[in-house]
C-alpha atoms as a PDB file:
ATOM      1  CA  MET A   1    -128.714 -65.313  -3.627  1.00  0.00           C
ATOM      2  CA  LYS A   2    -125.920 -63.638  -1.692  1.00  0.00           C
ATOM      3  CA  ASN A   3    -123.597 -64.030  -4.683  1.00  0.00           C
ATOM      4  CA  GLN A   4    -126.253 -62.602  -6.997  1.00  0.00           C
ATOM      5  CA  ASN A   5    -126.781 -59.617  -4.683  1.00  0.00           C
ATOM      6  CA  LEU A   6    -123.020 -59.100  -4.446  1.00  0.00           C
ATOM      7  CA  LYS A   7    -122.758 -59.223  -8.234  1.00  0.00           C
ATOM      8  CA  SER A   8    -125.523 -56.634  -8.547  1.00  0.00           C
ATOM      9  CA  ILE A   9    -123.819 -54.370  -6.050  1.00  0.00           C
ATOM     10  CA  ILE A  10    -120.464 -54.599  -7.840  1.00  0.00           C
ATOM     11  CA  THR A  11    -122.044 -54.030 -11.242  1.00  0.00           C
ATOM     12  CA  GLY A  12    -123.984 -51.057  -9.929  1.00  0.00           C
ATOM     13  CA  GLY A  13    -120.800 -49.658  -8.399  1.00  0.00           C
ATOM     14  CA  PHE A  14    -118.955 -49.781 -11.722  1.00  0.00           C
ATOM     15  CA  ILE A  15    -121.892 -48.056 -13.434  1.00  0.00           C
ATOM     16  CA  CYS A  16    -121.859 -45.275 -10.809  1.00  0.00           C
ATOM     17  CA  LEU A  17    -118.108 -44.825 -11.162  1.00  0.00           C
ATOM     18  CA  ALA A  18    -118.432 -44.645 -14.947  1.00  0.00           C
ATOM     19  CA  VAL A  19    -121.219 -42.050 -14.691  1.00  0.00           C
ATOM     20  CA  LEU A  20    -119.241 -39.977 -12.179  1.00  0.00           C
ATOM     21  CA  SER A  21    -116.151 -40.197 -14.377  1.00  0.00           C
ATOM     22  CA  CYS A  22    -118.113 -39.001 -17.415  1.00  0.00           C
ATOM     23  CA  LYS A  23    -119.623 -36.137 -15.411  1.00  0.00           C
ATOM     24  CA  LYS A  24    -116.178 -35.143 -14.117  1.00  0.00           C
ATOM     25  CA  GLU A  25    -114.645 -35.233 -17.609  1.00  0.00           C
ATOM     26  CA  LYS A  26    -117.527 -33.194 -18.992  1.00  0.00           C
ATOM     27  CA  ALA A  27    -117.157 -30.657 -16.190  1.00  0.00           C
ATOM     28  CA  GLU A  28    -113.401 -30.365 -16.785  1.00  0.00           C
ATOM     29  CA  ASN A  29    -113.950 -29.861 -20.518  1.00  0.00           C
ATOM     30  CA  THR A  30    -116.622 -27.262 -19.837  1.00  0.00           C
ATOM     31  CA  VAL A  31    -114.240 -25.301 -17.622  1.00  0.00           C
ATOM     32  CA  LYS A  32    -111.302 -25.668 -20.015  1.00  0.00           C
ATOM     33  CA  GLU A  33    -113.195 -24.299 -23.009  1.00  0.00           C
ATOM     34  CA  GLY A  34    -113.354 -20.845 -21.453  1.00  0.00           C
ATOM     35  CA  VAL A  35    -109.840 -20.767 -20.005  1.00  0.00           C
ATOM     36  CA  LYS A  36    -107.346 -18.093 -21.009  1.00  0.00           C
ATOM     37  CA  ALA A  37    -103.684 -18.501 -20.171  1.00  0.00           C
ATOM     38  CA  TRP A  38    -100.850 -15.968 -20.435  1.00  0.00           C
ATOM     39  CA  GLU A  39     -97.556 -17.324 -21.730  1.00  0.00           C
ATOM     40  CA  ILE A  40     -94.111 -15.841 -22.313  1.00  0.00           C
ATOM     41  CA  ILE A  41     -92.771 -16.938 -25.692  1.00  0.00           C
ATOM     42  CA  LEU A  42     -89.598 -14.817 -25.720  1.00  0.00           C
ATOM     43  CA  ASP A  43     -87.739 -13.488 -22.689  1.00  0.00           C
ATOM     44  CA  GLY A  44     -84.579 -11.599 -21.780  1.00  0.00           C
ATOM     45  CA  SER A  45     -82.498 -14.759 -21.632  1.00  0.00           C
ATOM     46  CA  SER A  46     -82.178 -14.682 -25.445  1.00  0.00           C
ATOM     47  CA  PHE A  47     -79.427 -12.040 -24.997  1.00  0.00           C
ATOM     48  CA  ALA A  48     -77.490 -14.085 -22.435  1.00  0.00           C
ATOM     49  CA  ASN A  49     -74.959 -15.369 -24.986  1.00  0.00           C
ATOM     50  CA  TYR A  50     -74.587 -15.942 -28.719  1.00  0.00           C
ATOM     51  CA  THR A  51     -75.889 -19.511 -28.569  1.00  0.00           C
ATOM     52  CA  ALA A  52     -79.111 -18.312 -26.935  1.00  0.00           C
ATOM     53  CA  PHE A  53     -79.326 -15.392 -29.352  1.00  0.00           C
ATOM     54  CA  ASP A  54     -78.857 -17.516 -32.458  1.00  0.00           C
ATOM     55  CA  SER A  55     -81.617 -19.871 -31.309  1.00  0.00           C
ATOM     56  CA  LYS A  56     -84.178 -17.043 -31.006  1.00  0.00           C
ATOM     57  CA  TRP A  57     -83.079 -14.335 -33.457  1.00  0.00           C
ATOM     58  CA  ASN A  58     -82.021 -13.938 -37.073  1.00  0.00           C
ATOM     59  CA  TYR A  59     -79.493 -11.337 -38.214  1.00  0.00           C
ATOM     60  CA  ASN A  60     -80.321  -8.338 -40.441  1.00  0.00           C
ATOM     61  CA  TYR A  61     -83.792  -7.443 -41.691  1.00  0.00           C
ATOM     62  CA  PRO A  62     -86.142 -10.256 -42.751  1.00  0.00           C
ATOM     63  CA  TRP A  63     -85.731  -9.031 -46.355  1.00  0.00           C
ATOM     64  CA  GLY A  64     -81.942  -8.468 -46.339  1.00  0.00           C
ATOM     65  CA  THR A  65     -79.320  -5.930 -45.304  1.00  0.00           C
ATOM     66  CA  ASP A  66     -80.714  -2.627 -46.633  1.00  0.00           C
ATOM     67  CA  HIS A  67     -83.796  -0.512 -46.045  1.00  0.00           C
ATOM     68  CA  ASN A  68     -84.784   3.163 -45.992  1.00  0.00           C
ATOM     69  CA  GLY A  69     -81.608   4.957 -44.896  1.00  0.00           C
ATOM     70  CA  THR A  70     -77.864   5.096 -45.535  1.00  0.00           C
ATOM     71  CA  ALA A  71     -76.870   2.168 -43.277  1.00  0.00           C
ATOM     72  CA  ARG A  72     -76.277  -1.400 -44.421  1.00  0.00           C
ATOM     73  CA  MET A  73     -76.876  -4.045 -41.776  1.00  0.00           C
ATOM     74  CA  VAL A  74     -73.893  -6.294 -41.057  1.00  0.00           C
ATOM     75  CA  GLY A  75     -74.096  -9.362 -38.844  1.00  0.00           C
ATOM     76  CA  SER A  76     -73.954 -13.134 -38.675  1.00  0.00           C
ATOM     77  CA  SER A  77     -73.153 -15.888 -36.207  1.00  0.00           C
ATOM     78  CA  SER A  78     -69.479 -15.364 -37.095  1.00  0.00           C
ATOM     79  CA  ASN A  79     -69.465 -11.558 -37.438  1.00  0.00           C
ATOM     80  CA  HIS A  80     -70.378  -9.436 -34.423  1.00  0.00           C
ATOM     81  CA  SER A  81     -68.586  -6.254 -35.456  1.00  0.00           C
ATOM     82  CA  GLN A  82     -71.829  -4.227 -35.584  1.00  0.00           C
ATOM     83  CA  LEU A  83     -74.149  -6.306 -33.387  1.00  0.00           C
ATOM     84  CA  SER A  84     -72.754  -7.718 -30.145  1.00  0.00           C
ATOM     85  CA  LEU A  85     -73.784  -9.121 -26.761  1.00  0.00           C
ATOM     86  CA  SER A  86     -72.387  -8.565 -23.271  1.00  0.00           C
ATOM     87  CA  GLY A  87     -73.984  -9.143 -19.878  1.00  0.00           C
ATOM     88  CA  GLY A  88     -77.470  -9.682 -21.287  1.00  0.00           C
ATOM     89  CA  VAL A  89     -77.315  -6.475 -23.358  1.00  0.00           C
ATOM     90  CA  LEU A  90     -77.543  -6.222 -27.140  1.00  0.00           C
ATOM     91  CA  THR A  91     -75.463  -3.379 -28.599  1.00  0.00           C
ATOM     92  CA  ILE A  92     -75.795  -2.205 -32.182  1.00  0.00           C
ATOM     93  CA  LYS A  93     -72.967  -0.046 -33.505  1.00  0.00           C
ATOM     94  CA  ALA A  94     -73.233   2.195 -36.569  1.00  0.00           C
ATOM     95  CA  THR A  95     -69.887   3.023 -38.199  1.00  0.00           C
ATOM     96  CA  ARG A  96     -69.349   5.808 -40.715  1.00  0.00           C
ATOM     97  CA  LEU A  97     -67.510   4.581 -43.822  1.00  0.00           C
ATOM     98  CA  SER A  98     -64.750   6.464 -45.610  1.00  0.00           C
ATOM     99  CA  SER A  99     -66.359   5.681 -48.963  1.00  0.00           C
ATOM    100  CA  SER A 100     -69.716   4.330 -50.093  1.00  0.00           C
ATOM    101  CA  PRO A 101     -69.859   0.677 -51.230  1.00  0.00           C
ATOM    102  CA  GLY A 102     -72.826   1.543 -53.454  1.00  0.00           C
ATOM    103  CA  ASN A 103     -76.537   2.290 -53.163  1.00  0.00           C
ATOM    104  CA  SER A 104     -79.213   0.585 -51.098  1.00  0.00           C
ATOM    105  CA  THR A 105     -80.655  -2.574 -52.600  1.00  0.00           C
ATOM    106  CA  ALA A 106     -84.051  -2.170 -50.880  1.00  0.00           C
ATOM    107  CA  ASN A 107     -87.133  -1.718 -53.040  1.00  0.00           C
ATOM    108  CA  GLY A 108     -87.931   1.957 -53.439  1.00  0.00           C
ATOM    109  CA  PHE A 109     -84.551   3.120 -52.077  1.00  0.00           C
ATOM    110  CA  THR A 110     -82.080   2.126 -54.785  1.00  0.00           C
ATOM    111  CA  ASN A 111     -81.091   5.792 -55.233  1.00  0.00           C
ATOM    112  CA  VAL A 112     -79.882   6.043 -51.599  1.00  0.00           C
ATOM    113  CA  PRO A 113     -76.090   5.679 -51.148  1.00  0.00           C
ATOM    114  CA  ILE A 114     -74.767   3.564 -48.269  1.00  0.00           C
ATOM    115  CA  TRP A 115     -72.504   5.473 -45.864  1.00  0.00           C
ATOM    116  CA  TYR A 116     -72.692   3.361 -42.693  1.00  0.00           C
ATOM    117  CA  TYR A 117     -72.431  -0.203 -41.517  1.00  0.00           C
ATOM    118  CA  SER A 118     -74.904  -0.910 -38.701  1.00  0.00           C
ATOM    119  CA  GLY A 119     -76.882  -3.809 -37.256  1.00  0.00           C
ATOM    120  CA  ALA A 120     -80.348  -5.330 -37.133  1.00  0.00           C
ATOM    121  CA  CYS A 121     -82.000  -8.507 -35.937  1.00  0.00           C
ATOM    122  CA  HIS A 122     -85.490  -9.980 -36.088  1.00  0.00           C
ATOM    123  CA  ALA A 123     -87.088 -12.554 -33.810  1.00  0.00           C
ATOM    124  CA  LYS A 124     -87.706 -16.039 -35.166  1.00  0.00           C
ATOM    125  CA  GLN A 125     -90.965 -16.052 -33.178  1.00  0.00           C
ATOM    126  CA  GLN A 126     -93.583 -14.270 -35.262  1.00  0.00           C
ATOM    127  CA  ILE A 127     -96.553 -12.379 -33.836  1.00  0.00           C
ATOM    128  CA  THR A 128     -99.988 -13.382 -35.135  1.00  0.00           C
ATOM    129  CA  ILE A 129    -103.075 -11.951 -33.464  1.00  0.00           C
ATOM    130  CA  ASN A 130    -106.106 -14.197 -33.983  1.00  0.00           C
ATOM    131  CA  ASP A 131    -108.828 -16.132 -32.150  1.00  0.00           C
ATOM    132  CA  GLN A 132    -106.347 -18.484 -30.490  1.00  0.00           C
ATOM    133  CA  PHE A 133    -103.844 -15.759 -29.528  1.00  0.00           C
ATOM    134  CA  SER A 134    -106.037 -12.725 -29.038  1.00  0.00           C
ATOM    135  CA  ALA A 135    -103.591 -10.467 -27.151  1.00  0.00           C
ATOM    136  CA  TYR A 136     -99.844  -9.832 -27.119  1.00  0.00           C
ATOM    137  CA  THR A 137     -97.459  -7.683 -25.117  1.00  0.00           C
ATOM    138  CA  VAL A 138     -94.118  -6.748 -26.689  1.00  0.00           C
ATOM    139  CA  GLN A 139     -91.582  -4.757 -24.676  1.00  0.00           C
ATOM    140  CA  GLY A 140     -87.916  -3.971 -24.081  1.00  0.00           C
ATOM    141  CA  ASP A 141     -85.548  -1.628 -22.267  1.00  0.00           C
ATOM    142  CA  PHE A 142     -83.494   0.620 -24.553  1.00  0.00           C
ATOM    143  CA  LYS A 143     -80.996   3.433 -24.374  1.00  0.00           C
ATOM    144  CA  VAL A 144     -80.761   5.333 -27.632  1.00  0.00           C
ATOM    145  CA  PRO A 145     -78.723   7.987 -29.410  1.00  0.00           C
ATOM    146  CA  THR A 146     -80.637  11.167 -30.169  1.00  0.00           C
ATOM    147  CA  VAL A 147     -78.186  13.052 -32.375  1.00  0.00           C
ATOM    148  CA  LYS A 148     -79.038  14.049 -35.928  1.00  0.00           C
ATOM    149  CA  GLY A 149     -78.832  11.181 -38.398  1.00  0.00           C
ATOM    150  CA  THR A 150     -79.475   8.347 -35.904  1.00  0.00           C
ATOM    151  CA  TRP A 151     -82.608   6.222 -36.314  1.00  0.00           C
ATOM    152  CA  PRO A 152     -82.950   3.387 -33.757  1.00  0.00           C
ATOM    153  CA  ALA A 153     -86.200   1.402 -33.761  1.00  0.00           C
ATOM    154  CA  PHE A 154     -88.094  -1.473 -32.127  1.00  0.00           C
ATOM    155  CA  TRP A 155     -91.090  -2.454 -34.262  1.00  0.00           C
ATOM    156  CA  ILE A 156     -93.320  -5.092 -35.803  1.00  0.00           C
ATOM    157  CA  THR A 157     -94.269  -5.342 -39.465  1.00  0.00           C
ATOM    158  CA  GLY A 158     -96.109  -7.743 -41.750  1.00  0.00           C
ATOM    159  CA  VAL A 159     -94.373 -10.923 -42.868  1.00  0.00           C
ATOM    160  CA  SER A 160     -96.342 -11.273 -46.115  1.00  0.00           C
ATOM    161  CA  SER A 161     -97.715  -7.767 -46.600  1.00  0.00           C
ATOM    162  CA  TRP A 162     -97.270  -4.109 -45.662  1.00  0.00           C
ATOM    163  CA  PRO A 163     -99.287  -2.858 -43.840  1.00  0.00           C
ATOM    164  CA  PRO A 164     -99.590  -3.725 -40.982  1.00  0.00           C
ATOM    165  CA  GLU A 165     -96.835  -1.982 -39.015  1.00  0.00           C
ATOM    166  CA  SER A 166     -96.545  -0.896 -35.400  1.00  0.00           C
ATOM    167  CA  ASP A 167     -93.568   1.127 -34.147  1.00  0.00           C
ATOM    168  CA  ILE A 168     -93.150   0.467 -30.436  1.00  0.00           C
ATOM    169  CA  MET A 169     -90.108   2.740 -30.224  1.00  0.00           C
ATOM    170  CA  GLU A 170     -88.540   4.918 -32.913  1.00  0.00           C
ATOM    171  CA  PHE A 171     -86.221   7.912 -32.499  1.00  0.00           C
ATOM    172  CA  LYS A 172     -85.334  10.178 -35.423  1.00  0.00           C
ATOM    173  CA  GLY A 173     -82.366  12.286 -34.395  1.00  0.00           C
ATOM    174  CA  LYS A 174     -84.121  13.983 -31.466  1.00  0.00           C
ATOM    175  CA  SER A 175     -85.145  13.170 -27.870  1.00  0.00           C
ATOM    176  CA  ILE A 176     -88.648  12.365 -29.072  1.00  0.00           C
ATOM    177  CA  VAL A 177     -90.009   8.840 -29.369  1.00  0.00           C
ATOM    178  CA  TRP A 178     -92.423   8.005 -32.173  1.00  0.00           C
ATOM    179  CA  GLN A 179     -94.996   5.287 -31.466  1.00  0.00           C
ATOM    180  CA  ASN A 180     -96.885   4.742 -34.684  1.00  0.00           C
ATOM    181  CA  THR A 181     -99.492   2.459 -36.232  1.00  0.00           C
ATOM    182  CA  TYR A 182     -99.841   1.959 -39.962  1.00  0.00           C
ATOM    183  CA  ASP A 183    -102.774   0.198 -41.624  1.00  0.00           C
ATOM    184  CA  GLY A 184    -102.882   2.186 -44.872  1.00  0.00           C
ATOM    185  CA  SER A 185    -102.800   5.495 -43.039  1.00  0.00           C
ATOM    186  CA  TRP A 186    -100.672   6.562 -40.085  1.00  0.00           C
ATOM    187  CA  GLU A 187    -101.652   7.169 -36.478  1.00  0.00           C
ATOM    188  CA  GLU A 188     -98.710   8.764 -34.690  1.00  0.00           C
ATOM    189  CA  LYS A 189     -97.841   9.621 -31.110  1.00  0.00           C
ATOM    190  CA  LEU A 190     -94.764  11.725 -30.367  1.00  0.00           C
ATOM    191  CA  THR A 191     -93.494  11.960 -26.786  1.00  0.00           C
ATOM    192  CA  ALA A 192     -90.460  13.818 -25.437  1.00  0.00           C
ATOM    193  CA  VAL A 193     -88.231  11.468 -23.412  1.00  0.00           C
ATOM    194  CA  SER A 194     -85.877  12.917 -20.807  1.00  0.00           C
ATOM    195  CA  ASN A 195     -82.470  11.236 -20.691  1.00  0.00           C
ATOM    196  CA  ALA A 196     -83.261   8.917 -23.605  1.00  0.00           C
ATOM    197  CA  GLY A 197     -79.601   7.890 -23.481  1.00  0.00           C
ATOM    198  CA  ASN A 198     -80.453   6.030 -20.264  1.00  0.00           C
ATOM    199  CA  TYR A 199     -82.597   2.899 -20.210  1.00  0.00           C
ATOM    200  CA  HIS A 200     -86.348   3.328 -20.596  1.00  0.00           C
ATOM    201  CA  ASN A 201     -88.995   0.672 -21.101  1.00  0.00           C
ATOM    202  CA  TYR A 202     -91.061   0.806 -24.293  1.00  0.00           C
ATOM    203  CA  LYS A 203     -94.073  -1.461 -24.575  1.00  0.00           C
ATOM    204  CA  ALA A 204     -97.075  -2.182 -26.768  1.00  0.00           C
ATOM    205  CA  TRP A 205    -100.158  -4.207 -25.881  1.00  0.00           C
ATOM    206  CA  TYR A 206    -102.147  -5.596 -28.803  1.00  0.00           C
ATOM    207  CA  HIS A 207    -105.684  -6.943 -28.527  1.00  0.00           C
ATOM    208  CA  LYS A 208    -108.088  -8.359 -31.118  1.00  0.00           C
ATOM    209  CA  ILE A 209    -111.283  -6.298 -31.015  1.00  0.00           C
ATOM    210  CA  ASN A 210    -113.252  -7.871 -33.889  1.00  0.00           C
ATOM    211  CA  ALA A 211    -112.798 -10.194 -36.846  1.00  0.00           C
ATOM    212  CA  THR A 212    -110.343  -7.901 -38.639  1.00  0.00           C
ATOM    213  CA  ASP A 213    -109.000  -5.184 -36.330  1.00  0.00           C
ATOM    214  CA  VAL A 214    -106.459  -4.905 -33.517  1.00  0.00           C
ATOM    215  CA  GLU A 215    -106.291  -2.349 -30.735  1.00  0.00           C
ATOM    216  CA  CYS A 216    -102.756  -1.059 -30.026  1.00  0.00           C
ATOM    217  CA  HIS A 217    -101.800   0.557 -26.722  1.00  0.00           C
ATOM    218  CA  TYR A 218     -98.372   2.157 -26.260  1.00  0.00           C
ATOM    219  CA  TYR A 219     -96.479   2.699 -23.005  1.00  0.00           C
ATOM    220  CA  ILE A 220     -93.272   4.370 -21.839  1.00  0.00           C
ATOM    221  CA  ASP A 221     -91.907   3.191 -18.494  1.00  0.00           C
ATOM    222  CA  ASN A 222     -95.253   1.443 -17.914  1.00  0.00           C
ATOM    223  CA  VAL A 223     -97.201   4.692 -18.347  1.00  0.00           C
ATOM    224  CA  TRP A 224     -99.910   4.579 -21.024  1.00  0.00           C
ATOM    225  CA  VAL A 225     -99.383   7.212 -23.719  1.00  0.00           C
ATOM    226  CA  ALA A 226    -101.550   6.303 -26.730  1.00  0.00           C
ATOM    227  CA  GLY A 227    -104.187   3.985 -28.146  1.00  0.00           C
ATOM    228  CA  HIS A 228    -104.600   3.275 -31.867  1.00  0.00           C
ATOM    229  CA  VAL A 229    -106.565   0.838 -34.018  1.00  0.00           C
ATOM    230  CA  MET A 230    -104.682  -1.254 -36.586  1.00  0.00           C
ATOM    231  CA  SER A 231    -107.260  -2.248 -39.203  1.00  0.00           C
ATOM    232  CA  ASN A 232    -107.049  -5.520 -41.125  1.00  0.00           C
ATOM    233  CA  ALA A 233    -104.302  -6.895 -38.880  1.00  0.00           C
ATOM    234  CA  VAL A 234    -105.998 -10.055 -37.548  1.00  0.00           C
ATOM    235  CA  ASN A 235    -104.377 -13.275 -38.818  1.00  0.00           C
ATOM    236  CA  LYS A 236    -101.479 -11.277 -40.293  1.00  0.00           C
ATOM    237  CA  PRO A 237     -98.127 -12.706 -39.116  1.00  0.00           C
ATOM    238  CA  MET A 238     -95.645  -9.982 -38.150  1.00  0.00           C
ATOM    239  CA  TRP A 239     -91.893  -9.794 -37.584  1.00  0.00           C
ATOM    240  CA  LEU A 240     -90.375  -8.184 -34.476  1.00  0.00           C
ATOM    241  CA  ILE A 241     -87.346  -6.107 -35.529  1.00  0.00           C
ATOM    242  CA  ILE A 242     -84.612  -4.227 -33.647  1.00  0.00           C
ATOM    243  CA  ASN A 243     -82.354  -2.055 -35.788  1.00  0.00           C
ATOM    244  CA  MET A 244     -80.473   1.201 -36.094  1.00  0.00           C
ATOM    245  CA  GLN A 245     -80.858   2.817 -39.484  1.00  0.00           C
ATOM    246  CA  MET A 246     -79.015   6.078 -40.223  1.00  0.00           C
ATOM    247  CA  GLU A 247     -79.875   9.430 -41.831  1.00  0.00           C
ATOM    248  CA  GLY A 248     -83.013   9.200 -43.982  1.00  0.00           C
ATOM    249  CA  ALA A 249     -85.941  10.447 -41.864  1.00  0.00           C
ATOM    250  CA  SER A 250     -83.546  11.286 -39.003  1.00  0.00           C
ATOM    251  CA  GLY A 251     -81.716  13.939 -41.022  1.00  0.00           C
ATOM    252  CA  SER A 252     -78.221  14.339 -42.386  1.00  0.00           C
ATOM    253  CA  PRO A 253     -75.334  14.548 -42.077  1.00  0.00           C
ATOM    254  CA  GLY A 254     -75.145  11.819 -39.468  1.00  0.00           C
ATOM    255  CA  PRO A 255     -72.326  11.222 -36.968  1.00  0.00           C
ATOM    256  CA  SER A 256     -68.795  10.998 -38.349  1.00  0.00           C
ATOM    257  CA  GLY A 257     -67.667   8.172 -36.050  1.00  0.00           C
ATOM    258  CA  ASN A 258     -69.275   5.264 -34.211  1.00  0.00           C
ATOM    259  CA  THR A 259     -72.727   5.445 -32.627  1.00  0.00           C
ATOM    260  CA  THR A 260     -74.270   2.803 -30.330  1.00  0.00           C
ATOM    261  CA  PHE A 261     -77.791   1.713 -29.438  1.00  0.00           C
ATOM    262  CA  SER A 262     -78.426  -0.815 -26.643  1.00  0.00           C
ATOM    263  CA  GLY A 263     -81.360  -2.999 -25.573  1.00  0.00           C
ATOM    264  CA  LYS A 264     -82.140  -5.613 -22.957  1.00  0.00           C
ATOM    265  CA  ASN A 265     -85.021  -7.516 -21.340  1.00  0.00           C
ATOM    266  CA  ILE A 266     -86.819  -8.014 -24.636  1.00  0.00           C
ATOM    267  CA  SER A 267     -89.978 -10.070 -24.209  1.00  0.00           C
ATOM    268  CA  ILE A 268     -93.057 -11.256 -26.061  1.00  0.00           C
ATOM    269  CA  GLY A 269     -96.069 -12.484 -24.095  1.00  0.00           C
ATOM    270  CA  ARG A 270     -99.389 -13.648 -25.428  1.00  0.00           C
ATOM    271  CA  GLU A 271    -102.834 -14.738 -24.300  1.00  0.00           C
ATOM    272  CA  ARG A 272    -103.765 -18.256 -25.355  1.00  0.00           C
ATOM    273  CA  ASN A 273    -107.455 -19.100 -25.615  1.00  0.00           C
ATOM    274  CA  TRP A 274    -108.215 -22.810 -25.115  1.00  0.00           C
END
């Protein structure tokens, strides 16, 4: 009888433990389903050295060396003449050429002659705003040239389509930053920046607001300056690009010598929904 009672007690104990374990697991799963976590997927350490850079960034534009101005992007893991690193800072140098090597090869700009060598890079980590990653912050510290013919930019654009596009920082030959959103039509915010040749922080916060649209908020030195809506941008992968184009929308003639554009502390953060 004692053995039978002991057996009953032990059996009952295992049943209780199993029930408690199931309840605990269910409770943990219930909590986890609503959890949101913020994660940094690119940080300033990617400019620490060329090994770190090459692991996180690709050279030139995603589509090649040319785009919408008179500068051809030059850069590779073995050629840092126009795009270089030092002390955690990325420096892009635009150099005026003595003669043009030909016209741009970019679609829609094949009538534009090349007169500069410059630099560009794009992050290997793409930005896709969707149900799983419903918010992103993209930011960096930049000091820019503001003379006529210089066109530095920090922006995201569609991998498979255009639009979408969001310009987090763009200067066009003046001490005015353009922060723009394009989804078939443009929303633009122009802000005068004092001492743009010194470092300032430029940031955008993106947030999914419905099944198709993304809210874009732009900041300068952590001060909010504009809010736009980027339609039809959900589930659209986007490239992050840093480049210095020349002339084009920034005017001409551009500088006759070398011009530099520097950036540091580039980061991408995102909200993960479990």
